[in-house]
Amino acid sequence: MASDRASDELEAPGPPSLQEAVEGILDRLRPALIADGGNVELLGVDSDGTARVSFQGQCATCPAQQATLRIGLEEPLVAAIPGLTGVVAI
């Protein structure tokens, strides 16, 4: 029985969940937002593949928020993550 437990511990982890994948990419995109006094929080990923985010700090009231959402977040996220269909700000 001990050998069964050892083999279970050696199994490779499965692919990251959609939410984990989005967080990983957001972690690479956040420094640009933080440099401008803002940030973004991932609220979740819906079953249809839509990521829901909330802008924080200066990003919450920035007049370029829609451009940041579409070009700065949605385009790189959808391109990098299979199954992600879009990003919406709440």
PDB file of N, CA and C in Angstrom:
ATOM      1  N   MET A   1       0.806  -1.194   0.000  1.00  0.00           N
ATOM      2  CA  MET A   1       0.000   0.000   0.000  1.00  0.00           C
ATOM      3  C   MET A   1       0.855   1.265   0.000  1.00  0.00           C
ATOM      4  N   ALA A   2       1.975   1.218   0.671  1.00  0.00           N
ATOM      5  CA  ALA A   2       2.833   2.402   0.722  1.00  0.00           C
ATOM      6  C   ALA A   2       3.303   2.770  -0.674  1.00  0.00           C
ATOM      7  N   SER A   3       3.544   1.773  -1.528  1.00  0.00           N
ATOM      8  CA  SER A   3       4.000   2.073  -2.880  1.00  0.00           C
ATOM      9  C   SER A   3       2.903   2.758  -3.693  1.00  0.00           C
ATOM     10  N   ASP A   4       1.627   2.439  -3.406  1.00  0.00           N
ATOM     11  CA  ASP A   4       0.525   3.114  -4.104  1.00  0.00           C
ATOM     12  C   ASP A   4       0.515   4.600  -3.764  1.00  0.00           C
ATOM     13  N   ARG A   5       0.719   4.939  -2.506  1.00  0.00           N
ATOM     14  CA  ARG A   5       0.730   6.343  -2.095  1.00  0.00           C
ATOM     15  C   ARG A   5       1.907   7.077  -2.712  1.00  0.00           C
ATOM     16  N   ALA A   6       3.039   6.419  -2.789  1.00  0.00           N
ATOM     17  CA  ALA A   6       4.227   7.052  -3.366  1.00  0.00           C
ATOM     18  C   ALA A   6       3.996   7.360  -4.840  1.00  0.00           C
ATOM     19  N   SER A   7       3.352   6.442  -5.559  1.00  0.00           N
ATOM     20  CA  SER A   7       3.108   6.701  -6.983  1.00  0.00           C
ATOM     21  C   SER A   7       2.099   7.817  -7.163  1.00  0.00           C
ATOM     22  N   ASP A   8       1.114   7.950  -6.269  1.00  0.00           N
ATOM     23  CA  ASP A   8       0.154   9.043  -6.340  1.00  0.00           C
ATOM     24  C   ASP A   8       0.853  10.388  -6.165  1.00  0.00           C
ATOM     25  N   GLU A   9       1.821  10.446  -5.272  1.00  0.00           N
ATOM     26  CA  GLU A   9       2.533  11.687  -5.007  1.00  0.00           C
ATOM     27  C   GLU A   9       3.416  12.095  -6.178  1.00  0.00           C
ATOM     28  N   LEU A  10       3.809  11.144  -7.020  1.00  0.00           N
ATOM     29  CA  LEU A  10       4.706  11.431  -8.132  1.00  0.00           C
ATOM     30  C   LEU A  10       3.961  11.840  -9.397  1.00  0.00           C
ATOM     31  N   GLU A  11       2.630  11.734  -9.404  1.00  0.00           N
ATOM     32  CA  GLU A  11       1.869  12.099 -10.590  1.00  0.00           C
ATOM     33  C   GLU A  11       2.027  13.584 -10.875  1.00  0.00           C
ATOM     34  N   ALA A  12       2.163  13.903 -12.138  1.00  0.00           N
ATOM     35  CA  ALA A  12       2.286  15.305 -12.544  1.00  0.00           C
ATOM     36  C   ALA A  12       0.946  15.996 -12.330  1.00  0.00           C
ATOM     37  N   PRO A  13       0.989  17.260 -11.929  1.00  0.00           N
ATOM     38  CA  PRO A  13      -0.268  17.975 -11.757  1.00  0.00           C
ATOM     39  C   PRO A  13      -0.948  18.151 -13.110  1.00  0.00           C
ATOM     40  N   GLY A  14      -2.262  18.242 -13.093  1.00  0.00           N
ATOM     41  CA  GLY A  14      -3.014  18.440 -14.325  1.00  0.00           C
ATOM     42  C   GLY A  14      -2.829  19.856 -14.844  1.00  0.00           C
ATOM     43  N   PRO A  15      -3.431  20.133 -15.981  1.00  0.00           N
ATOM     44  CA  PRO A  15      -3.319  21.477 -16.535  1.00  0.00           C
ATOM     45  C   PRO A  15      -3.987  22.484 -15.594  1.00  0.00           C
ATOM     46  N   PRO A  16      -3.521  23.720 -15.623  1.00  0.00           N
ATOM     47  CA  PRO A  16      -4.127  24.714 -14.738  1.00  0.00           C
ATOM     48  C   PRO A  16      -5.579  24.968 -15.138  1.00  0.00           C
ATOM     49  N   SER A  17      -6.381  25.320 -14.158  1.00  0.00           N
ATOM     50  CA  SER A  17      -7.764  25.664 -14.458  1.00  0.00           C
ATOM     51  C   SER A  17      -7.772  26.961 -15.260  1.00  0.00           C
ATOM     52  N   LEU A  18      -8.883  27.247 -15.868  1.00  0.00           N
ATOM     53  CA  LEU A  18      -9.015  28.479 -16.639  1.00  0.00           C
ATOM     54  C   LEU A  18      -8.736  29.692 -15.764  1.00  0.00           C
ATOM     55  N   GLN A  19      -9.242  29.663 -14.545  1.00  0.00           N
ATOM     56  CA  GLN A  19      -9.018  30.783 -13.623  1.00  0.00           C
ATOM     57  C   GLN A  19      -7.536  30.923 -13.279  1.00  0.00           C
ATOM     58  N   GLU A  20      -6.859  29.817 -13.034  1.00  0.00           N
ATOM     59  CA  GLU A  20      -5.423  29.866 -12.736  1.00  0.00           C
ATOM     60  C   GLU A  20      -4.626  30.388 -13.928  1.00  0.00           C
ATOM     61  N   ALA A  21      -5.034  29.982 -15.121  1.00  0.00           N
ATOM     62  CA  ALA A  21      -4.345  30.446 -16.327  1.00  0.00           C
ATOM     63  C   ALA A  21      -4.514  31.945 -16.507  1.00  0.00           C
ATOM     64  N   VAL A  22      -5.726  32.447 -16.267  1.00  0.00           N
ATOM     65  CA  VAL A  22      -5.973  33.891 -16.382  1.00  0.00           C
ATOM     66  C   VAL A  22      -5.145  34.637 -15.345  1.00  0.00           C
ATOM     67  N   GLU A  23      -5.125  34.155 -14.112  1.00  0.00           N
ATOM     68  CA  GLU A  23      -4.323  34.807 -13.061  1.00  0.00           C
ATOM     69  C   GLU A  23      -2.852  34.860 -13.454  1.00  0.00           C
ATOM     70  N   GLY A  24      -2.359  33.785 -14.035  1.00  0.00           N
ATOM     71  CA  GLY A  24      -0.956  33.749 -14.438  1.00  0.00           C
ATOM     72  C   GLY A  24      -0.622  34.815 -15.465  1.00  0.00           C
ATOM     73  N   ILE A  25      -1.492  34.999 -16.450  1.00  0.00           N
ATOM     74  CA  ILE A  25      -1.258  36.033 -17.466  1.00  0.00           C
ATOM     75  C   ILE A  25      -1.451  37.415 -16.854  1.00  0.00           C
ATOM     76  N   LEU A  26      -2.467  37.576 -16.025  1.00  0.00           N
ATOM     77  CA  LEU A  26      -2.685  38.881 -15.379  1.00  0.00           C
ATOM     78  C   LEU A  26      -1.479  39.287 -14.543  1.00  0.00           C
ATOM     79  N   ASP A  27      -0.838  38.324 -13.917  1.00  0.00           N
ATOM     80  CA  ASP A  27       0.356  38.640 -13.125  1.00  0.00           C
ATOM     81  C   ASP A  27       1.455  39.255 -13.985  1.00  0.00           C
ATOM     82  N   ARG A  28       1.480  38.883 -15.257  1.00  0.00           N
ATOM     83  CA  ARG A  28       2.475  39.462 -16.173  1.00  0.00           C
ATOM     84  C   ARG A  28       2.033  40.815 -16.723  1.00  0.00           C
ATOM     85  N   LEU A  29       0.725  41.068 -16.741  1.00  0.00           N
ATOM     86  CA  LEU A  29       0.200  42.328 -17.267  1.00  0.00           C
ATOM     87  C   LEU A  29       0.079  43.413 -16.194  1.00  0.00           C
ATOM     88  N   ARG A  30      -0.057  43.006 -14.947  1.00  0.00           N
ATOM     89  CA  ARG A  30      -0.293  43.950 -13.854  1.00  0.00           C
ATOM     90  C   ARG A  30       0.776  45.036 -13.680  1.00  0.00           C
ATOM     91  N   PRO A  31       2.063  44.743 -13.853  1.00  0.00           N
ATOM     92  CA  PRO A  31       3.057  45.798 -13.614  1.00  0.00           C
ATOM     93  C   PRO A  31       2.792  47.089 -14.396  1.00  0.00           C
ATOM     94  N   ALA A  32       2.294  46.985 -15.611  1.00  0.00           N
ATOM     95  CA  ALA A  32       1.989  48.190 -16.396  1.00  0.00           C
ATOM     96  C   ALA A  32       0.840  48.965 -15.767  1.00  0.00           C
ATOM     97  N   LEU A  33      -0.152  48.265 -15.250  1.00  0.00           N
ATOM     98  CA  LEU A  33      -1.276  48.935 -14.595  1.00  0.00           C
ATOM     99  C   LEU A  33      -0.831  49.576 -13.286  1.00  0.00           C
ATOM    100  N   ILE A  34      -0.042  48.848 -12.528  1.00  0.00           N
ATOM    101  CA  ILE A  34       0.442  49.346 -11.238  1.00  0.00           C
ATOM    102  C   ILE A  34       1.323  50.573 -11.436  1.00  0.00           C
ATOM    103  N   ALA A  35       2.112  50.585 -12.509  1.00  0.00           N
ATOM    104  CA  ALA A  35       2.974  51.738 -12.791  1.00  0.00           C
ATOM    105  C   ALA A  35       2.160  53.011 -13.013  1.00  0.00           C
ATOM    106  N   ASP A  36       0.918  52.864 -13.454  1.00  0.00           N
ATOM    107  CA  ASP A  36       0.038  54.013 -13.661  1.00  0.00           C
ATOM    108  C   ASP A  36      -0.903  54.251 -12.486  1.00  0.00           C
ATOM    109  N   GLY A  37      -0.666  53.572 -11.372  1.00  0.00           N
ATOM    110  CA  GLY A  37      -1.469  53.787 -10.174  1.00  0.00           C
ATOM    111  C   GLY A  37      -2.740  52.961 -10.112  1.00  0.00           C
ATOM    112  N   GLY A  38      -2.843  51.933 -10.928  1.00  0.00           N
ATOM    113  CA  GLY A  38      -4.045  51.108 -10.934  1.00  0.00           C
ATOM    114  C   GLY A  38      -3.727  49.640 -10.733  1.00  0.00           C
ATOM    115  N   ASN A  39      -4.718  48.827 -10.986  1.00  0.00           N
ATOM    116  CA  ASN A  39      -4.569  47.381 -10.890  1.00  0.00           C
ATOM    117  C   ASN A  39      -5.838  46.744 -11.434  1.00  0.00           C
ATOM    118  N   VAL A  40      -5.854  45.439 -11.499  1.00  0.00           N
ATOM    119  CA  VAL A  40      -7.030  44.696 -11.921  1.00  0.00           C
ATOM    120  C   VAL A  40      -7.145  43.460 -11.043  1.00  0.00           C
ATOM    121  N   GLU A  41      -8.372  43.132 -10.680  1.00  0.00           N
ATOM    122  CA  GLU A  41      -8.641  41.946  -9.860  1.00  0.00           C
ATOM    123  C   GLU A  41      -9.501  40.998 -10.672  1.00  0.00           C
ATOM    124  N   LEU A  42      -9.128  39.734 -10.709  1.00  0.00           N
ATOM    125  CA  LEU A  42      -9.942  38.719 -11.365  1.00  0.00           C
ATOM    126  C   LEU A  42     -11.037  38.300 -10.395  1.00  0.00           C
ATOM    127  N   LEU A  43     -12.283  38.493 -10.806  1.00  0.00           N
ATOM    128  CA  LEU A  43     -13.418  38.117  -9.972  1.00  0.00           C
ATOM    129  C   LEU A  43     -13.841  36.676 -10.212  1.00  0.00           C
ATOM    130  N   GLY A  44     -13.569  36.187 -11.404  1.00  0.00           N
ATOM    131  CA  GLY A  44     -13.916  34.810 -11.721  1.00  0.00           C
ATOM    132  C   GLY A  44     -13.975  34.598 -13.212  1.00  0.00           C
ATOM    133  N   VAL A  45     -14.167  33.339 -13.590  1.00  0.00           N
ATOM    134  CA  VAL A  45     -14.325  32.972 -14.990  1.00  0.00           C
ATOM    135  C   VAL A  45     -15.618  32.189 -15.093  1.00  0.00           C
ATOM    136  N   ASP A  46     -16.529  32.678 -15.915  1.00  0.00           N
ATOM    137  CA  ASP A  46     -17.830  32.036 -16.086  1.00  0.00           C
ATOM    138  C   ASP A  46     -17.705  30.756 -16.901  1.00  0.00           C
ATOM    139  N   SER A  47     -18.742  29.945 -16.852  1.00  0.00           N
ATOM    140  CA  SER A  47     -18.726  28.660 -17.565  1.00  0.00           C
ATOM    141  C   SER A  47     -18.634  28.835 -19.082  1.00  0.00           C
ATOM    142  N   ASP A  48     -18.998  30.012 -19.601  1.00  0.00           N
ATOM    143  CA  ASP A  48     -18.884  30.254 -21.042  1.00  0.00           C
ATOM    144  C   ASP A  48     -17.500  30.759 -21.444  1.00  0.00           C
ATOM    145  N   GLY A  49     -16.575  30.850 -20.471  1.00  0.00           N
ATOM    146  CA  GLY A  49     -15.211  31.274 -20.765  1.00  0.00           C
ATOM    147  C   GLY A  49     -14.983  32.770 -20.681  1.00  0.00           C
ATOM    148  N   THR A  50     -15.922  33.503 -20.115  1.00  0.00           N
ATOM    149  CA  THR A  50     -15.770  34.948 -19.948  1.00  0.00           C
ATOM    150  C   THR A  50     -15.145  35.243 -18.591  1.00  0.00           C
ATOM    151  N   ALA A  51     -14.021  35.957 -18.618  1.00  0.00           N
ATOM    152  CA  ALA A  51     -13.376  36.378 -17.372  1.00  0.00           C
ATOM    153  C   ALA A  51     -14.015  37.685 -16.915  1.00  0.00           C
ATOM    154  N   ARG A  52     -14.324  37.771 -15.642  1.00  0.00           N
ATOM    155  CA  ARG A  52     -14.873  38.992 -15.049  1.00  0.00           C
ATOM    156  C   ARG A  52     -13.782  39.635 -14.209  1.00  0.00           C
ATOM    157  N   VAL A  53     -13.510  40.915 -14.482  1.00  0.00           N
ATOM    158  CA  VAL A  53     -12.469  41.625 -13.752  1.00  0.00           C
ATOM    159  C   VAL A  53     -13.031  42.911 -13.166  1.00  0.00           C
ATOM    160  N   SER A  54     -12.314  43.435 -12.198  1.00  0.00           N
ATOM    161  CA  SER A  54     -12.647  44.721 -11.593  1.00  0.00           C
ATOM    162  C   SER A  54     -11.389  45.577 -11.610  1.00  0.00           C
ATOM    163  N   PHE A  55     -11.505  46.770 -12.195  1.00  0.00           N
ATOM    164  CA  PHE A  55     -10.379  47.696 -12.190  1.00  0.00           C
ATOM    165  C   PHE A  55     -10.288  48.363 -10.830  1.00  0.00           C
ATOM    166  N   GLN A  56      -9.067  48.635 -10.400  1.00  0.00           N
ATOM    167  CA  GLN A  56      -8.822  49.249  -9.090  1.00  0.00           C
ATOM    168  C   GLN A  56      -7.937  50.473  -9.248  1.00  0.00           C
ATOM    169  N   GLY A  57      -7.923  51.305  -8.226  1.00  0.00           N
ATOM    170  CA  GLY A  57      -7.070  52.487  -8.226  1.00  0.00           C
ATOM    171  C   GLY A  57      -7.411  53.411  -9.380  1.00  0.00           C
ATOM    172  N   GLN A  58      -6.392  53.972 -10.010  1.00  0.00           N
ATOM    173  CA  GLN A  58      -6.581  54.908 -11.112  1.00  0.00           C
ATOM    174  C   GLN A  58      -7.281  54.258 -12.307  1.00  0.00           C
ATOM    175  N   CYS A  59      -7.139  52.966 -12.459  1.00  0.00           N
ATOM    176  CA  CYS A  59      -7.782  52.277 -13.588  1.00  0.00           C
ATOM    177  C   CYS A  59      -9.311  52.317 -13.485  1.00  0.00           C
ATOM    178  N   ALA A  60      -9.827  52.417 -12.271  1.00  0.00           N
ATOM    179  CA  ALA A  60     -11.276  52.402 -12.066  1.00  0.00           C
ATOM    180  C   ALA A  60     -11.957  53.629 -12.668  1.00  0.00           C
ATOM    181  N   THR A  61     -11.236  54.736 -12.753  1.00  0.00           N
ATOM    182  CA  THR A  61     -11.838  55.973 -13.261  1.00  0.00           C
ATOM    183  C   THR A  61     -11.140  56.502 -14.512  1.00  0.00           C
ATOM    184  N   CYS A  62     -10.228  55.738 -15.054  1.00  0.00           N
ATOM    185  CA  CYS A  62      -9.442  56.183 -16.210  1.00  0.00           C
ATOM    186  C   CYS A  62     -10.325  56.280 -17.458  1.00  0.00           C
ATOM    187  N   PRO A  63     -10.198  57.369 -18.218  1.00  0.00           N
ATOM    188  CA  PRO A  63     -10.972  57.480 -19.452  1.00  0.00           C
ATOM    189  C   PRO A  63     -10.568  56.456 -20.518  1.00  0.00           C
ATOM    190  N   ALA A  64      -9.399  55.873 -20.391  1.00  0.00           N
ATOM    191  CA  ALA A  64      -8.937  54.863 -21.354  1.00  0.00           C
ATOM    192  C   ALA A  64      -9.237  53.439 -20.881  1.00  0.00           C
ATOM    193  N   GLN A  65     -10.130  53.301 -19.924  1.00  0.00           N
ATOM    194  CA  GLN A  65     -10.421  51.994 -19.345  1.00  0.00           C
ATOM    195  C   GLN A  65     -10.863  50.967 -20.390  1.00  0.00           C
ATOM    196  N   GLN A  66     -11.727  51.339 -21.323  1.00  0.00           N
ATOM    197  CA  GLN A  66     -12.204  50.390 -22.332  1.00  0.00           C
ATOM    198  C   GLN A  66     -11.077  49.944 -23.255  1.00  0.00           C
ATOM    199  N   ALA A  67     -10.174  50.858 -23.596  1.00  0.00           N
ATOM    200  CA  ALA A  67      -9.026  50.486 -24.426  1.00  0.00           C
ATOM    201  C   ALA A  67      -8.112  49.536 -23.664  1.00  0.00           C
ATOM    202  N   THR A  68      -7.901  49.818 -22.392  1.00  0.00           N
ATOM    203  CA  THR A  68      -7.082  48.932 -21.561  1.00  0.00           C
ATOM    204  C   THR A  68      -7.725  47.555 -21.476  1.00  0.00           C
ATOM    205  N   LEU A  69      -9.034  47.532 -21.295  1.00  0.00           N
ATOM    206  CA  LEU A  69      -9.751  46.265 -21.193  1.00  0.00           C
ATOM    207  C   LEU A  69      -9.605  45.455 -22.476  1.00  0.00           C
ATOM    208  N   ARG A  70      -9.874  46.064 -23.617  1.00  0.00           N
ATOM    209  CA  ARG A  70      -9.884  45.335 -24.886  1.00  0.00           C
ATOM    210  C   ARG A  70      -8.483  45.016 -25.401  1.00  0.00           C
ATOM    211  N   ILE A  71      -7.623  46.031 -25.433  1.00  0.00           N
ATOM    212  CA  ILE A  71      -6.295  45.854 -26.039  1.00  0.00           C
ATOM    213  C   ILE A  71      -5.268  45.344 -25.033  1.00  0.00           C
ATOM    214  N   GLY A  72      -5.316  45.875 -23.820  1.00  0.00           N
ATOM    215  CA  GLY A  72      -4.308  45.525 -22.822  1.00  0.00           C
ATOM    216  C   GLY A  72      -4.569  44.237 -22.074  1.00  0.00           C
ATOM    217  N   LEU A  73      -5.842  43.853 -21.959  1.00  0.00           N
ATOM    218  CA  LEU A  73      -6.170  42.637 -21.209  1.00  0.00           C
ATOM    219  C   LEU A  73      -6.797  41.558 -22.085  1.00  0.00           C
ATOM    220  N   GLU A  74      -7.919  41.878 -22.733  1.00  0.00           N
ATOM    221  CA  GLU A  74      -8.658  40.844 -23.451  1.00  0.00           C
ATOM    222  C   GLU A  74      -7.852  40.223 -24.595  1.00  0.00           C
ATOM    223  N   GLU A  75      -7.230  41.047 -25.431  1.00  0.00           N
ATOM    224  CA  GLU A  75      -6.485  40.486 -26.568  1.00  0.00           C
ATOM    225  C   GLU A  75      -5.388  39.522 -26.132  1.00  0.00           C
ATOM    226  N   PRO A  76      -4.498  39.910 -25.193  1.00  0.00           N
ATOM    227  CA  PRO A  76      -3.454  38.952 -24.816  1.00  0.00           C
ATOM    228  C   PRO A  76      -3.994  37.731 -24.066  1.00  0.00           C
ATOM    229  N   LEU A  77      -5.035  37.912 -23.267  1.00  0.00           N
ATOM    230  CA  LEU A  77      -5.587  36.776 -22.522  1.00  0.00           C
ATOM    231  C   LEU A  77      -6.239  35.765 -23.456  1.00  0.00           C
ATOM    232  N   VAL A  78      -7.091  36.231 -24.360  1.00  0.00           N
ATOM    233  CA  VAL A  78      -7.790  35.326 -25.271  1.00  0.00           C
ATOM    234  C   VAL A  78      -6.796  34.639 -26.205  1.00  0.00           C
ATOM    235  N   ALA A  79      -5.764  35.365 -26.629  1.00  0.00           N
ATOM    236  CA  ALA A  79      -4.754  34.772 -27.510  1.00  0.00           C
ATOM    237  C   ALA A  79      -3.940  33.694 -26.805  1.00  0.00           C
ATOM    238  N   ALA A  80      -3.718  33.853 -25.508  1.00  0.00           N
ATOM    239  CA  ALA A  80      -2.842  32.939 -24.778  1.00  0.00           C
ATOM    240  C   ALA A  80      -3.560  31.756 -24.132  1.00  0.00           C
ATOM    241  N   ILE A  81      -4.875  31.877 -23.915  1.00  0.00           N
ATOM    242  CA  ILE A  81      -5.577  30.862 -23.124  1.00  0.00           C
ATOM    243  C   ILE A  81      -6.699  30.229 -23.932  1.00  0.00           C
ATOM    244  N   PRO A  82      -6.518  28.993 -24.376  1.00  0.00           N
ATOM    245  CA  PRO A  82      -7.599  28.291 -25.077  1.00  0.00           C
ATOM    246  C   PRO A  82      -8.810  28.151 -24.154  1.00  0.00           C
ATOM    247  N   GLY A  83      -9.969  28.431 -24.688  1.00  0.00           N
ATOM    248  CA  GLY A  83     -11.202  28.312 -23.900  1.00  0.00           C
ATOM    249  C   GLY A  83     -11.665  29.627 -23.310  1.00  0.00           C
ATOM    250  N   LEU A  84     -10.795  30.627 -23.281  1.00  0.00           N
ATOM    251  CA  LEU A  84     -11.207  31.931 -22.793  1.00  0.00           C
ATOM    252  C   LEU A  84     -11.845  32.678 -23.960  1.00  0.00           C
ATOM    253  N   THR A  85     -13.061  33.169 -23.767  1.00  0.00           N
ATOM    254  CA  THR A  85     -13.810  33.772 -24.869  1.00  0.00           C
ATOM    255  C   THR A  85     -13.852  35.288 -24.811  1.00  0.00           C
ATOM    256  N   GLY A  86     -13.616  35.878 -23.654  1.00  0.00           N
ATOM    257  CA  GLY A  86     -13.673  37.327 -23.538  1.00  0.00           C
ATOM    258  C   GLY A  86     -13.401  37.771 -22.119  1.00  0.00           C
ATOM    259  N   VAL A  87     -13.322  39.086 -21.955  1.00  0.00           N
ATOM    260  CA  VAL A  87     -13.075  39.698 -20.648  1.00  0.00           C
ATOM    261  C   VAL A  87     -14.051  40.855 -20.495  1.00  0.00           C
ATOM    262  N   VAL A  88     -14.742  40.921 -19.369  1.00  0.00           N
ATOM    263  CA  VAL A  88     -15.648  42.024 -19.076  1.00  0.00           C
ATOM    264  C   VAL A  88     -15.258  42.654 -17.746  1.00  0.00           C
ATOM    265  N   ALA A  89     -15.418  43.972 -17.676  1.00  0.00           N
ATOM    266  CA  ALA A  89     -15.150  44.690 -16.429  1.00  0.00           C
ATOM    267  C   ALA A  89     -16.474  44.900 -15.698  1.00  0.00           C
ATOM    268  N   ILE A  90     -16.445  44.670 -14.425  1.00  0.00           N
ATOM    269  CA  ILE A  90     -17.636  44.827 -13.591  1.00  0.00           C
ATOM    270  C   ILE A  90     -17.401  45.945 -12.602  1.00  0.00           C
TER     271      ILE A  90
END
